[in-house]
Protein backbone atom coordinates (compact mmCIF):
# COMPACT_ATOMS: atom_id res chain seq x y z
CA UNK A 1 -0.09 -0.03 0.05
CA UNK A 2 1.38 3.48 -0.84
CA UNK A 3 0.50 6.61 1.02
CA UNK A 4 1.90 10.24 0.25
CA UNK A 5 4.83 8.50 -1.71
CA UNK A 6 5.66 6.00 0.99
CA UNK A 7 5.27 2.21 1.09
CA UNK A 8 3.06 1.26 4.05
CA UNK A 9 3.02 -2.36 5.32
CA UNK A 10 -0.33 -2.76 7.18
CA UNK A 11 0.90 -5.85 8.83
CA UNK A 12 3.74 -3.98 10.56
CA UNK A 13 1.55 -0.99 11.40
CA UNK A 14 -0.88 -3.31 12.96
CA UNK A 15 1.80 -5.14 14.83
CA UNK A 16 3.32 -1.99 16.18
CA UNK A 17 -0.15 -0.45 17.06
CA UNK A 18 -0.95 -3.64 19.08
CA UNK A 19 2.36 -3.56 20.85
CA UNK A 20 1.80 0.09 21.85
CA UNK A 21 -1.64 -0.52 22.99
CA UNK A 22 -0.44 -3.14 25.33
CA UNK A 23 2.26 -1.09 26.80
CA UNK A 24 0.08 1.77 27.30
CA UNK A 25 -2.40 -0.55 28.90
CA UNK A 26 0.40 -2.21 31.13
CA UNK A 27 1.56 1.28 32.31
CA UNK A 28 -2.00 2.44 33.08
CA UNK A 29 -2.30 -0.74 35.21
CA UNK A 30 0.81 -0.25 36.90
CA UNK A 31 -0.12 3.39 37.81
CA UNK A 32 -3.42 2.48 39.36
CA UNK A 33 -2.00 -0.52 41.29
CA UNK A 34 0.99 1.69 42.61
CA UNK A 35 -1.44 4.53 43.53
CA UNK A 36 -3.55 2.07 45.47
CA UNK A 37 -0.52 0.73 47.34
CA UNK A 38 0.54 4.21 48.07
CA UNK A 39 -2.75 4.99 49.63
CA UNK A 40 -2.86 1.77 51.58
CA UNK A 41 0.56 2.72 53.07
CA UNK A 42 -0.61 6.05 54.04
CA UNK A 43 -3.61 4.87 55.58
CA UNK A 44 -1.52 2.19 57.60
CA UNK A 45 0.99 4.90 58.85
CA UNK A 46 -1.89 7.01 59.81
CA UNK A 47 -3.45 4.26 61.82
CA UNK A 48 0.00 3.45 63.28
CA UNK A 49 0.48 7.05 64.44
CA UNK A 50 -3.00 7.32 65.88
CA UNK A 51 -2.62 3.95 67.74
CA UNK A 52 0.78 5.20 69.38
CA UNK A 53 -1.27 8.53 70.47
CA UNK A 54 1.04 10.67 68.54
CA UNK A 55 0.00 14.39 68.84
CA UNK A 56 -2.31 15.32 65.82
CA UNK A 57 0.12 18.28 64.86
CA UNK A 58 2.99 16.04 64.63
CA UNK A 59 0.82 13.44 62.78
CA UNK A 60 -0.23 16.10 60.28
CA UNK A 61 3.47 17.13 59.77
CA UNK A 62 4.62 13.68 59.01
CA UNK A 63 1.76 12.60 56.83
CA UNK A 64 2.79 14.34 53.65
CA UNK A 65 6.44 12.97 54.08
CA UNK A 66 4.95 9.59 54.24
CA UNK A 67 2.62 10.24 51.09
CA UNK A 68 5.86 11.34 49.21
CA UNK A 69 7.74 8.43 50.35
CA UNK A 70 4.92 5.89 49.35
CA UNK A 71 4.70 7.09 45.75
CA UNK A 72 8.58 7.11 45.48
CA UNK A 73 9.43 10.79 45.22
CA UNK A 74 12.72 11.81 46.06
CA UNK A 75 13.42 15.01 48.50
CA UNK A 76 14.35 17.94 46.62
CA UNK A 77 17.38 18.53 48.91
CA UNK A 78 19.12 15.29 47.79
CA UNK A 79 21.40 15.80 44.86
């Protein structure tokens, strides 16, 4: 098949498109599972801090750092 002066192989295009769709679907699945696991980790640490009768101010201070660590972000101060 020819398109705009280029020879196009439909079988190769179909194969490549299928491969890309599978990779995108897998990436979305990994993102969803990772976000779910991060939420579970934050909830776990929240319950742990509540059970240890940690002051709510301190708990509120540590919760964002637990969220960032759970999703794998690095501290900006580290180089």
